[in-house]
C-alpha atoms as a PDB file:
ATOM      1  CA  MET A   1      10.841   9.040  17.783  1.00  0.00           C
ATOM      2  CA  PRO A   2       8.474   9.560  14.809  1.00  0.00           C
ATOM      3  CA  MET A   3       5.380   9.106  17.032  1.00  0.00           C
ATOM      4  CA  LEU A   4       7.193  12.332  19.373  1.00  0.00           C
ATOM      5  CA  VAL A   5       7.624  14.414  16.059  1.00  0.00           C
ATOM      6  CA  LEU A   6       4.021  13.940  15.043  1.00  0.00           C
ATOM      7  CA  ALA A   7       2.306  13.820  18.385  1.00  0.00           C
ATOM      8  CA  PRO A   8       1.679  17.325  18.665  1.00  0.00           C
ATOM      9  CA  LEU A   9       0.073  17.448  15.084  1.00  0.00           C
ATOM     10  CA  LEU A  10      -2.352  14.587  16.403  1.00  0.00           C
ATOM     11  CA  ALA A  11      -3.329  15.850  19.480  1.00  0.00           C
ATOM     12  CA  THR A  12      -6.856  17.038  19.869  1.00  0.00           C
ATOM     13  CA  ALA A  13      -7.293  20.466  21.699  1.00  0.00           C
ATOM     14  CA  ALA A  14     -10.438  21.110  23.387  1.00  0.00           C
ATOM     15  CA  GLY A  15     -12.675  23.077  21.454  1.00  0.00           C
ATOM     16  CA  GLU A  16     -10.780  23.107  18.344  1.00  0.00           C
ATOM     17  CA  ASP A  17     -12.489  24.028  15.235  1.00  0.00           C
ATOM     18  CA  PRO A  18     -13.199  21.537  12.537  1.00  0.00           C
ATOM     19  CA  ALA A  19     -11.391  23.298  10.009  1.00  0.00           C
ATOM     20  CA  SER A  20      -8.424  23.687  12.206  1.00  0.00           C
ATOM     21  CA  ARG A  21      -8.253  19.825  12.917  1.00  0.00           C
ATOM     22  CA  PHE A  22      -9.065  18.874   9.044  1.00  0.00           C
ATOM     23  CA  ILE A  23      -5.880  21.168   8.323  1.00  0.00           C
ATOM     24  CA  ARG A  24      -3.871  19.445  10.816  1.00  0.00           C
ATOM     25  CA  LEU A  25      -4.499  16.074   9.381  1.00  0.00           C
ATOM     26  CA  LEU A  26      -4.130  16.998   5.982  1.00  0.00           C
ATOM     27  CA  THR A  27      -0.819  18.378   6.987  1.00  0.00           C
ATOM     28  CA  VAL A  28       0.218  14.703   8.370  1.00  0.00           C
ATOM     29  CA  PHE A  29      -1.335  12.730   5.433  1.00  0.00           C
ATOM     30  CA  LEU A  30       0.502  14.724   3.013  1.00  0.00           C
ATOM     31  CA  LEU A  31       3.954  14.372   5.019  1.00  0.00           C
ATOM     32  CA  ALA A  32       3.424  10.911   5.134  1.00  0.00           C
ATOM     33  CA  MET A  33       2.587  10.552   1.323  1.00  0.00           C
ATOM     34  CA  TRP A  34       5.888  12.320   0.632  1.00  0.00           C
ATOM     35  CA  VAL A  35       8.084  10.694   3.206  1.00  0.00           C
ATOM     36  CA  GLY A  36       6.387   6.978   1.611  1.00  0.00           C
ATOM     37  CA  PHE A  37       7.394   8.364  -1.436  1.00  0.00           C
ATOM     38  CA  GLU A  38      10.520   9.322  -1.256  1.00  0.00           C
ATOM     39  CA  VAL A  39      11.904   6.314   0.807  1.00  0.00           C
ATOM     40  CA  ILE A  40      10.190   4.260  -1.944  1.00  0.00           C
ATOM     41  CA  THR A  41      11.828   5.519  -4.780  1.00  0.00           C
ATOM     42  CA  LYS A  42      15.652   5.068  -3.070  1.00  0.00           C
ATOM     43  CA  VAL A  43      15.042   1.471  -2.528  1.00  0.00           C
ATOM     44  CA  PRO A  44      17.235  -0.587  -5.135  1.00  0.00           C
ATOM     45  CA  GLN A  45      15.681  -3.745  -7.215  1.00  0.00           C
ATOM     46  CA  ARG A  46      16.713  -6.346  -4.875  1.00  0.00           C
ATOM     47  CA  LEU A  47      15.645  -5.255  -2.036  1.00  0.00           C
ATOM     48  CA  HIS A  48      11.604  -5.338  -3.558  1.00  0.00           C
ATOM     49  CA  THR A  49      10.869  -8.941  -2.745  1.00  0.00           C
ATOM     50  CA  PRO A  50      11.414  -8.603   1.312  1.00  0.00           C
ATOM     51  CA  LEU A  51       9.871  -5.272   1.376  1.00  0.00           C
ATOM     52  CA  THR A  52       6.571  -6.592  -0.549  1.00  0.00           C
ATOM     53  CA  SER A  53       6.679  -9.201   2.484  1.00  0.00           C
ATOM     54  CA  GLY A  54       7.084  -6.710   4.675  1.00  0.00           C
ATOM     55  CA  SER A  55       4.206  -4.381   3.544  1.00  0.00           C
ATOM     56  CA  ASN A  56       1.960  -7.538   3.608  1.00  0.00           C
ATOM     57  CA  ALA A  57       2.705  -8.444   7.254  1.00  0.00           C
ATOM     58  CA  ILE A  58       1.455  -4.548   7.559  1.00  0.00           C
ATOM     59  CA  SER A  59      -1.643  -4.718   5.501  1.00  0.00           C
ATOM     60  CA  GLY A  60      -2.359  -7.875   7.386  1.00  0.00           C
ATOM     61  CA  ILE A  61      -2.502  -6.004  10.681  1.00  0.00           C
ATOM     62  CA  THR A  62      -4.689  -3.403   8.743  1.00  0.00           C
ATOM     63  CA  ALA A  63      -6.936  -5.775   7.651  1.00  0.00           C
ATOM     64  CA  VAL A  64      -7.504  -7.045  11.355  1.00  0.00           C
ATOM     65  CA  GLY A  65      -7.865  -3.226  12.691  1.00  0.00           C
ATOM     66  CA  ALA A  66     -10.591  -3.212   9.856  1.00  0.00           C
ATOM     67  CA  ILE A  67     -12.225  -5.909  11.272  1.00  0.00           C
ATOM     68  CA  VAL A  68     -12.221  -4.678  14.700  1.00  0.00           C
ATOM     69  CA  VAL A  69     -13.782  -0.843  13.067  1.00  0.00           C
ATOM     70  CA  ALA A  70     -16.026  -2.865  11.049  1.00  0.00           C
ATOM     71  CA  GLY A  71     -17.450  -5.357  13.912  1.00  0.00           C
ATOM     72  CA  ALA A  72     -17.697  -2.886  16.351  1.00  0.00           C
ATOM     73  CA  MET A  73     -21.210  -1.510  14.823  1.00  0.00           C
ATOM     74  CA  VAL A  74     -21.157   1.829  16.216  1.00  0.00           C
ATOM     75  CA  THR A  75     -22.273   3.718  13.570  1.00  0.00           C
ATOM     76  CA  GLY A  76     -23.240   2.842  10.128  1.00  0.00           C
ATOM     77  CA  MET A  77     -20.641   4.825   8.364  1.00  0.00           C
ATOM     78  CA  GLY A  78     -17.954   3.471  10.513  1.00  0.00           C
ATOM     79  CA  THR A  79     -18.944  -0.375   9.022  1.00  0.00           C
ATOM     80  CA  VAL A  80     -19.012   0.895   5.823  1.00  0.00           C
ATOM     81  CA  PHE A  81     -15.620   2.267   5.977  1.00  0.00           C
ATOM     82  CA  GLY A  82     -14.387  -0.659   8.106  1.00  0.00           C
ATOM     83  CA  PHE A  83     -15.811  -3.269   5.468  1.00  0.00           C
ATOM     84  CA  LEU A  84     -14.271  -0.821   2.609  1.00  0.00           C
ATOM     85  CA  ALA A  85     -10.722  -0.596   4.238  1.00  0.00           C
ATOM     86  CA  LEU A  86     -10.778  -4.541   4.908  1.00  0.00           C
ATOM     87  CA  VAL A  87     -11.569  -5.122   1.129  1.00  0.00           C
ATOM     88  CA  LEU A  88      -8.811  -2.951   0.349  1.00  0.00           C
ATOM     89  CA  ALA A  89      -6.254  -4.295   2.706  1.00  0.00           C
ATOM     90  CA  MET A  90      -7.078  -7.794   1.670  1.00  0.00           C
ATOM     91  CA  ILE A  91      -6.621  -6.847  -1.685  1.00  0.00           C
ATOM     92  CA  ASN A  92      -3.209  -5.696  -1.189  1.00  0.00           C
ATOM     93  CA  VAL A  93      -2.326  -8.494   1.028  1.00  0.00           C
ATOM     94  CA  VAL A  94      -3.217 -11.029  -1.967  1.00  0.00           C
ATOM     95  CA  GLY A  95      -1.619  -8.971  -4.516  1.00  0.00           C
ATOM     96  CA  GLY A  96       1.428  -8.750  -2.750  1.00  0.00           C
ATOM     97  CA  PHE A  97       1.534 -12.743  -2.180  1.00  0.00           C
ATOM     98  CA  VAL A  98       1.033 -12.820  -5.800  1.00  0.00           C
ATOM     99  CA  VAL A  99       3.701 -10.495  -6.519  1.00  0.00           C
ATOM    100  CA  THR A 100       5.911 -12.403  -4.093  1.00  0.00           C
ATOM    101  CA  HIS A 101       5.522 -15.697  -5.411  1.00  0.00           C
ATOM    102  CA  ARG A 102       6.176 -14.742  -9.408  1.00  0.00           C
ATOM    103  CA  MET A 103       9.188 -13.052  -8.511  1.00  0.00           C
ATOM    104  CA  LEU A 104      10.708 -16.292  -6.293  1.00  0.00           C
ATOM    105  CA  ALA A 105       9.538 -18.163  -9.229  1.00  0.00           C
ATOM    106  CA  MET A 106      12.073 -16.480 -11.573  1.00  0.00           C
ATOM    107  CA  PHE A 107      14.893 -17.780  -9.336  1.00  0.00           C
ATOM    108  CA  ASN A 108      13.632 -21.202  -9.520  1.00  0.00           C
ATOM    109  CA  PRO A 109      15.597 -23.691 -12.236  1.00  0.00           C
ATOM    110  CA  LYS A 110      13.324 -24.151 -14.836  1.00  0.00           C
ATOM    111  CA  LYS A 111      11.574 -27.535 -15.412  1.00  0.00           C
ATOM    112  CA  LYS A 112      12.104 -29.283 -19.015  1.00  0.00           C
END
């Protein structure tokens, strides 16, 4: 359903000038930021660990996409941005697993 709403915003019109394309994409980006902020601030604390695991999976998908973009080597900038996206996605994946591990360790009984 969300893609049906965003499809007109993301569709590229023939002969569209770069300024209107930029404004349209900026609008989608700002709406995504606002919705993400609203969703995350409403999450109860007991659900953060499962959501962290879910975001790790999404970051893993992002890492695969970044590998595809960096490996295509169509342009130099595409390779640079693909590599940068891969580094940032892997930082997010590793950090998410570290945080999840620490949160789950709080529930284990302490060894004497």
